[in-house]
């Protein structure tokens, strides 16, 4: 009986030690998610700037 109780306690202890169990772990996960979103926005911004540059070139060529 004691072995089962100790085993159950050990399993619960290991299970509760994940990143979601501490404020620091949750904050780390949020920061990582925000970094991924920021990287995505930077990529989208670069694509938009590239497209705008091409549009500007076409407009300048049409004006000549």
PDB file of N, CA and C in Angstrom:
ATOM      1  N   UNK A   1       0.820  -1.190   0.000  1.00  0.00           N
ATOM      2  CA  UNK A   1       0.000   0.000   0.000  1.00  0.00           C
ATOM      3  C   UNK A   1       0.868   1.260   0.000  1.00  0.00           C
ATOM      4  N   UNK A   2       1.925   1.251   0.824  1.00  0.00           N
ATOM      5  CA  UNK A   2       2.808   2.409   0.889  1.00  0.00           C
ATOM      6  C   UNK A   2       3.542   2.603  -0.438  1.00  0.00           C
ATOM      7  N   UNK A   3       3.898   1.484  -1.081  1.00  0.00           N
ATOM      8  CA  UNK A   3       4.606   1.581  -2.358  1.00  0.00           C
ATOM      9  C   UNK A   3       3.716   2.228  -3.414  1.00  0.00           C
ATOM     10  N   UNK A   4       2.451   1.849  -3.412  1.00  0.00           N
ATOM     11  CA  UNK A   4       1.511   2.443  -4.372  1.00  0.00           C
ATOM     12  C   UNK A   4       1.359   3.937  -4.130  1.00  0.00           C
ATOM     13  N   UNK A   5       1.264   4.304  -2.882  1.00  0.00           N
ATOM     14  CA  UNK A   5       1.120   5.711  -2.530  1.00  0.00           C
ATOM     15  C   UNK A   5       2.364   6.503  -2.934  1.00  0.00           C
ATOM     16  N   UNK A   6       3.530   5.940  -2.680  1.00  0.00           N
ATOM     17  CA  UNK A   6       4.772   6.601  -3.074  1.00  0.00           C
ATOM     18  C   UNK A   6       4.887   6.695  -4.590  1.00  0.00           C
ATOM     19  N   UNK A   7       4.488   5.645  -5.281  1.00  0.00           N
ATOM     20  CA  UNK A   7       4.532   5.653  -6.742  1.00  0.00           C
ATOM     21  C   UNK A   7       3.570   6.700  -7.297  1.00  0.00           C
ATOM     22  N   UNK A   8       2.370   6.758  -6.743  1.00  0.00           N
ATOM     23  CA  UNK A   8       1.394   7.754  -7.188  1.00  0.00           C
ATOM     24  C   UNK A   8       1.908   9.167  -6.910  1.00  0.00           C
ATOM     25  N   UNK A   9       2.519   9.375  -5.763  1.00  0.00           N
ATOM     26  CA  UNK A   9       3.071  10.690  -5.429  1.00  0.00           C
ATOM     27  C   UNK A   9       4.199  11.057  -6.388  1.00  0.00           C
ATOM     28  N   UNK A  10       5.043  10.087  -6.725  1.00  0.00           N
ATOM     29  CA  UNK A  10       6.147  10.346  -7.653  1.00  0.00           C
ATOM     30  C   UNK A  10       5.623  10.692  -9.040  1.00  0.00           C
ATOM     31  N   UNK A  11       4.594   9.983  -9.477  1.00  0.00           N
ATOM     32  CA  UNK A  11       4.007  10.263 -10.791  1.00  0.00           C
ATOM     33  C   UNK A  11       3.399  11.661 -10.809  1.00  0.00           C
ATOM     34  N   UNK A  12       2.654  12.004  -9.775  1.00  0.00           N
ATOM     35  CA  UNK A  12       2.056  13.341  -9.700  1.00  0.00           C
ATOM     36  C   UNK A  12       3.123  14.428  -9.625  1.00  0.00           C
ATOM     37  N   UNK A  13       4.185  14.168  -8.904  1.00  0.00           N
ATOM     38  CA  UNK A  13       5.268  15.138  -8.785  1.00  0.00           C
ATOM     39  C   UNK A  13       5.915  15.390 -10.147  1.00  0.00           C
ATOM     40  N   UNK A  14       6.188  14.329 -10.877  1.00  0.00           N
ATOM     41  CA  UNK A  14       6.790  14.476 -12.212  1.00  0.00           C
ATOM     42  C   UNK A  14       5.825  15.144 -13.183  1.00  0.00           C
ATOM     43  N   UNK A  15       4.575  14.824 -13.082  1.00  0.00           N
ATOM     44  CA  UNK A  15       3.567  15.365 -14.003  1.00  0.00           C
ATOM     45  C   UNK A  15       3.363  16.860 -13.778  1.00  0.00           C
ATOM     46  N   UNK A  16       3.485  17.301 -12.531  1.00  0.00           N
ATOM     47  CA  UNK A  16       3.230  18.706 -12.216  1.00  0.00           C
ATOM     48  C   UNK A  16       4.458  19.591 -12.416  1.00  0.00           C
ATOM     49  N   UNK A  17       5.547  19.049 -12.899  1.00  0.00           N
ATOM     50  CA  UNK A  17       6.776  19.831 -13.065  1.00  0.00           C
ATOM     51  C   UNK A  17       6.948  20.367 -14.481  1.00  0.00           C
ATOM     52  N   UNK A  18       5.906  20.417 -15.262  1.00  0.00           N
ATOM     53  CA  UNK A  18       6.005  20.907 -16.633  1.00  0.00           C
ATOM     54  C   UNK A  18       6.113  22.418 -16.684  1.00  0.00           C
ATOM     55  N   UNK A  19       6.289  22.945 -17.906  1.00  0.00           N
ATOM     56  CA  UNK A  19       6.421  24.393 -18.078  1.00  0.00           C
ATOM     57  C   UNK A  19       5.166  25.130 -17.634  1.00  0.00           C
ATOM     58  N   UNK A  20       4.012  24.512 -17.809  1.00  0.00           N
ATOM     59  CA  UNK A  20       2.757  25.188 -17.468  1.00  0.00           C
ATOM     60  C   UNK A  20       2.531  25.308 -15.972  1.00  0.00           C
ATOM     61  N   UNK A  21       3.329  24.627 -15.185  1.00  0.00           N
ATOM     62  CA  UNK A  21       3.055  24.594 -13.748  1.00  0.00           C
ATOM     63  C   UNK A  21       3.633  25.783 -12.991  1.00  0.00           C
ATOM     64  N   UNK A  22       4.532  26.538 -13.588  1.00  0.00           N
ATOM     65  CA  UNK A  22       5.116  27.670 -12.868  1.00  0.00           C
ATOM     66  C   UNK A  22       4.891  28.967 -13.634  1.00  0.00           C
ATOM     67  N   UNK A  23       4.823  30.082 -12.929  1.00  0.00           N
ATOM     68  CA  UNK A  23       4.660  31.372 -13.619  1.00  0.00           C
ATOM     69  C   UNK A  23       5.805  31.651 -14.593  1.00  0.00           C
ATOM     70  N   UNK A  24       7.029  31.268 -14.206  1.00  0.00           N
ATOM     71  CA  UNK A  24       8.174  31.482 -15.091  1.00  0.00           C
ATOM     72  C   UNK A  24       8.040  30.660 -16.366  1.00  0.00           C
ATOM     73  N   UNK A  25       7.566  29.440 -16.225  1.00  0.00           N
ATOM     74  CA  UNK A  25       7.380  28.578 -17.390  1.00  0.00           C
ATOM     75  C   UNK A  25       6.313  29.119 -18.325  1.00  0.00           C
ATOM     76  N   UNK A  26       5.214  29.586 -17.746  1.00  0.00           N
ATOM     77  CA  UNK A  26       4.148  30.161 -18.578  1.00  0.00           C
ATOM     78  C   UNK A  26       4.627  31.432 -19.266  1.00  0.00           C
ATOM     79  N   UNK A  27       5.405  32.250 -18.553  1.00  0.00           N
ATOM     80  CA  UNK A  27       5.928  33.482 -19.145  1.00  0.00           C
ATOM     81  C   UNK A  27       6.888  33.148 -20.285  1.00  0.00           C
ATOM     82  N   UNK A  28       7.715  32.136 -20.100  1.00  0.00           N
ATOM     83  CA  UNK A  28       8.639  31.719 -21.157  1.00  0.00           C
ATOM     84  C   UNK A  28       7.869  31.287 -22.393  1.00  0.00           C
ATOM     85  N   UNK A  29       6.798  30.545 -22.190  1.00  0.00           N
ATOM     86  CA  UNK A  29       5.988  30.099 -23.329  1.00  0.00           C
ATOM     87  C   UNK A  29       5.356  31.292 -24.037  1.00  0.00           C
ATOM     88  N   UNK A  30       4.880  32.274 -23.278  1.00  0.00           N
ATOM     89  CA  UNK A  30       4.273  33.469 -23.876  1.00  0.00           C
ATOM     90  C   UNK A  30       5.311  34.265 -24.661  1.00  0.00           C
ATOM     91  N   UNK A  31       6.506  34.404 -24.095  1.00  0.00           N
ATOM     92  CA  UNK A  31       7.571  35.148 -24.771  1.00  0.00           C
ATOM     93  C   UNK A  31       7.960  34.446 -26.069  1.00  0.00           C
ATOM     94  N   UNK A  32       8.064  33.121 -26.033  1.00  0.00           N
ATOM     95  CA  UNK A  32       8.398  32.370 -27.246  1.00  0.00           C
ATOM     96  C   UNK A  32       7.317  32.543 -28.305  1.00  0.00           C
ATOM     97  N   UNK A  33       6.056  32.528 -27.893  1.00  0.00           N
ATOM     98  CA  UNK A  33       4.954  32.724 -28.839  1.00  0.00           C
ATOM     99  C   UNK A  33       4.999  34.130 -29.436  1.00  0.00           C
ATOM    100  N   UNK A  34       5.251  35.123 -28.597  1.00  0.00           N
ATOM    101  CA  UNK A  34       5.353  36.499 -29.094  1.00  0.00           C
ATOM    102  C   UNK A  34       6.528  36.655 -30.059  1.00  0.00           C
ATOM    103  N   UNK A  35       7.635  35.964 -29.784  1.00  0.00           N
ATOM    104  CA  UNK A  35       8.791  36.037 -30.677  1.00  0.00           C
ATOM    105  C   UNK A  35       8.457  35.432 -32.033  1.00  0.00           C
ATOM    106  N   UNK A  36       7.726  34.308 -32.036  1.00  0.00           N
ATOM    107  CA  UNK A  36       7.305  33.692 -33.309  1.00  0.00           C
ATOM    108  C   UNK A  36       6.388  34.642 -34.079  1.00  0.00           C
ATOM    109  N   UNK A  37       5.471  35.289 -33.380  1.00  0.00           N
ATOM    110  CA  UNK A  37       4.570  36.240 -34.040  1.00  0.00           C
ATOM    111  C   UNK A  37       5.345  37.426 -34.604  1.00  0.00           C
ATOM    112  N   UNK A  38       6.313  37.920 -33.852  1.00  0.00           N
ATOM    113  CA  UNK A  38       7.127  39.041 -34.311  1.00  0.00           C
ATOM    114  C   UNK A  38       7.935  38.655 -35.546  1.00  0.00           C
ATOM    115  N   UNK A  39       8.513  37.458 -35.537  1.00  0.00           N
ATOM    116  CA  UNK A  39       9.260  36.987 -36.703  1.00  0.00           C
ATOM    117  C   UNK A  39       8.357  36.889 -37.923  1.00  0.00           C
ATOM    118  N   UNK A  40       7.139  36.419 -37.726  1.00  0.00           N
ATOM    119  CA  UNK A  40       6.181  36.318 -38.824  1.00  0.00           C
ATOM    120  C   UNK A  40       5.836  37.700 -39.368  1.00  0.00           C
ATOM    121  N   UNK A  41       5.620  38.654 -38.472  1.00  0.00           N
ATOM    122  CA  UNK A  41       5.305  40.018 -38.904  1.00  0.00           C
ATOM    123  C   UNK A  41       6.472  40.656 -39.651  1.00  0.00           C
ATOM    124  N   UNK A  42       7.694  40.382 -39.202  1.00  0.00           N
ATOM    125  CA  UNK A  42       8.869  40.907 -39.906  1.00  0.00           C
ATOM    126  C   UNK A  42       8.937  40.349 -41.321  1.00  0.00           C
ATOM    127  N   UNK A  43       8.645  39.074 -41.457  1.00  0.00           N
ATOM    128  CA  UNK A  43       8.653  38.442 -42.779  1.00  0.00           C
ATOM    129  C   UNK A  43       7.573  39.046 -43.673  1.00  0.00           C
ATOM    130  N   UNK A  44       6.385  39.231 -43.118  1.00  0.00           N
ATOM    131  CA  UNK A  44       5.297  39.835 -43.884  1.00  0.00           C
ATOM    132  C   UNK A  44       5.639  41.267 -44.276  1.00  0.00           C
ATOM    133  N   UNK A  45       6.261  42.008 -43.371  1.00  0.00           N
ATOM    134  CA  UNK A  45       6.649  43.386 -43.648  1.00  0.00           C
ATOM    135  C   UNK A  45       7.665  43.439 -44.789  1.00  0.00           C
ATOM    136  N   UNK A  46       8.627  42.538 -44.780  1.00  0.00           N
ATOM    137  CA  UNK A  46       9.627  42.501 -45.849  1.00  0.00           C
ATOM    138  C   UNK A  46       8.968  42.211 -47.190  1.00  0.00           C
ATOM    139  N   UNK A  47       8.009  41.291 -47.211  1.00  0.00           N
ATOM    140  CA  UNK A  47       7.306  40.958 -48.452  1.00  0.00           C
ATOM    141  C   UNK A  47       6.497  42.157 -48.951  1.00  0.00           C
ATOM    142  N   UNK A  48       5.850  42.863 -48.042  1.00  0.00           N
ATOM    143  CA  UNK A  48       5.060  44.042 -48.426  1.00  0.00           C
ATOM    144  C   UNK A  48       5.971  45.130 -48.982  1.00  0.00           C
ATOM    145  N   UNK A  49       7.096  45.371 -48.318  1.00  0.00           N
ATOM    146  CA  UNK A  49       8.029  46.390 -48.800  1.00  0.00           C
ATOM    147  C   UNK A  49       8.585  46.027 -50.173  1.00  0.00           C
ATOM    148  N   UNK A  50       8.846  44.752 -50.392  1.00  0.00           N
ATOM    149  CA  UNK A  50       9.324  44.296 -51.697  1.00  0.00           C
ATOM    150  C   UNK A  50       8.265  44.548 -52.768  1.00  0.00           C
ATOM    151  N   UNK A  51       7.025  44.218 -52.458  1.00  0.00           N
ATOM    152  CA  UNK A  51       5.929  44.443 -53.409  1.00  0.00           C
ATOM    153  C   UNK A  51       5.750  45.929 -53.700  1.00  0.00           C
ATOM    154  N   UNK A  52       5.827  46.749 -52.674  1.00  0.00           N
ATOM    155  CA  UNK A  52       5.689  48.194 -52.878  1.00  0.00           C
ATOM    156  C   UNK A  52       6.819  48.743 -53.747  1.00  0.00           C
ATOM    157  N   UNK A  53       8.015  48.227 -53.559  1.00  0.00           N
ATOM    158  CA  UNK A  53       9.134  48.651 -54.391  1.00  0.00           C
ATOM    159  C   UNK A  53       8.915  48.311 -55.853  1.00  0.00           C
ATOM    160  N   UNK A  54       8.382  47.123 -56.110  1.00  0.00           N
ATOM    161  CA  UNK A  54       8.104  46.713 -57.492  1.00  0.00           C
ATOM    162  C   UNK A  54       6.989  47.557 -58.101  1.00  0.00           C
ATOM    163  N   UNK A  55       5.971  47.847 -57.316  1.00  0.00           N
ATOM    164  CA  UNK A  55       4.873  48.700 -57.804  1.00  0.00           C
ATOM    165  C   UNK A  55       5.404  50.089 -58.134  1.00  0.00           C
ATOM    166  N   UNK A  56       6.278  50.605 -57.285  1.00  0.00           N
ATOM    167  CA  UNK A  56       6.864  51.928 -57.519  1.00  0.00           C
ATOM    168  C   UNK A  56       7.662  51.937 -58.823  1.00  0.00           C
ATOM    169  N   UNK A  57       8.427  50.874 -59.070  1.00  0.00           N
ATOM    170  CA  UNK A  57       9.198  50.777 -60.312  1.00  0.00           C
ATOM    171  C   UNK A  57       8.280  50.777 -61.530  1.00  0.00           C
ATOM    172  N   UNK A  58       7.191  50.034 -61.461  1.00  0.00           N
ATOM    173  CA  UNK A  58       6.246  49.969 -62.582  1.00  0.00           C
ATOM    174  C   UNK A  58       5.624  51.341 -62.820  1.00  0.00           C
ATOM    175  N   UNK A  59       5.221  52.020 -61.759  1.00  0.00           N
ATOM    176  CA  UNK A  59       4.618  53.350 -61.903  1.00  0.00           C
ATOM    177  C   UNK A  59       5.606  54.356 -62.492  1.00  0.00           C
ATOM    178  N   UNK A  60       6.836  54.292 -62.053  1.00  0.00           N
ATOM    179  CA  UNK A  60       7.846  55.199 -62.594  1.00  0.00           C
ATOM    180  C   UNK A  60       8.108  54.910 -64.069  1.00  0.00           C
ATOM    181  N   UNK A  61       8.090  53.646 -64.447  1.00  0.00           N
ATOM    182  CA  UNK A  61       8.303  53.280 -65.849  1.00  0.00           C
ATOM    183  C   UNK A  61       7.140  53.763 -66.707  1.00  0.00           C
ATOM    184  N   UNK A  62       5.934  53.730 -66.171  1.00  0.00           N
ATOM    185  CA  UNK A  62       4.768  54.178 -66.934  1.00  0.00           C
ATOM    186  C   UNK A  62       4.746  55.696 -67.090  1.00  0.00           C
ATOM    187  N   UNK A  63       5.312  56.412 -66.157  1.00  0.00           N
ATOM    188  CA  UNK A  63       5.337  57.873 -66.225  1.00  0.00           C
ATOM    189  C   UNK A  63       6.308  58.378 -67.289  1.00  0.00           C
ATOM    190  N   UNK A  64       7.287  57.573 -67.647  1.00  0.00           N
ATOM    191  CA  UNK A  64       8.293  58.008 -68.627  1.00  0.00           C
ATOM    192  C   UNK A  64       7.816  57.880 -70.011  1.00  0.00           C
TER     193      UNK A  64
END
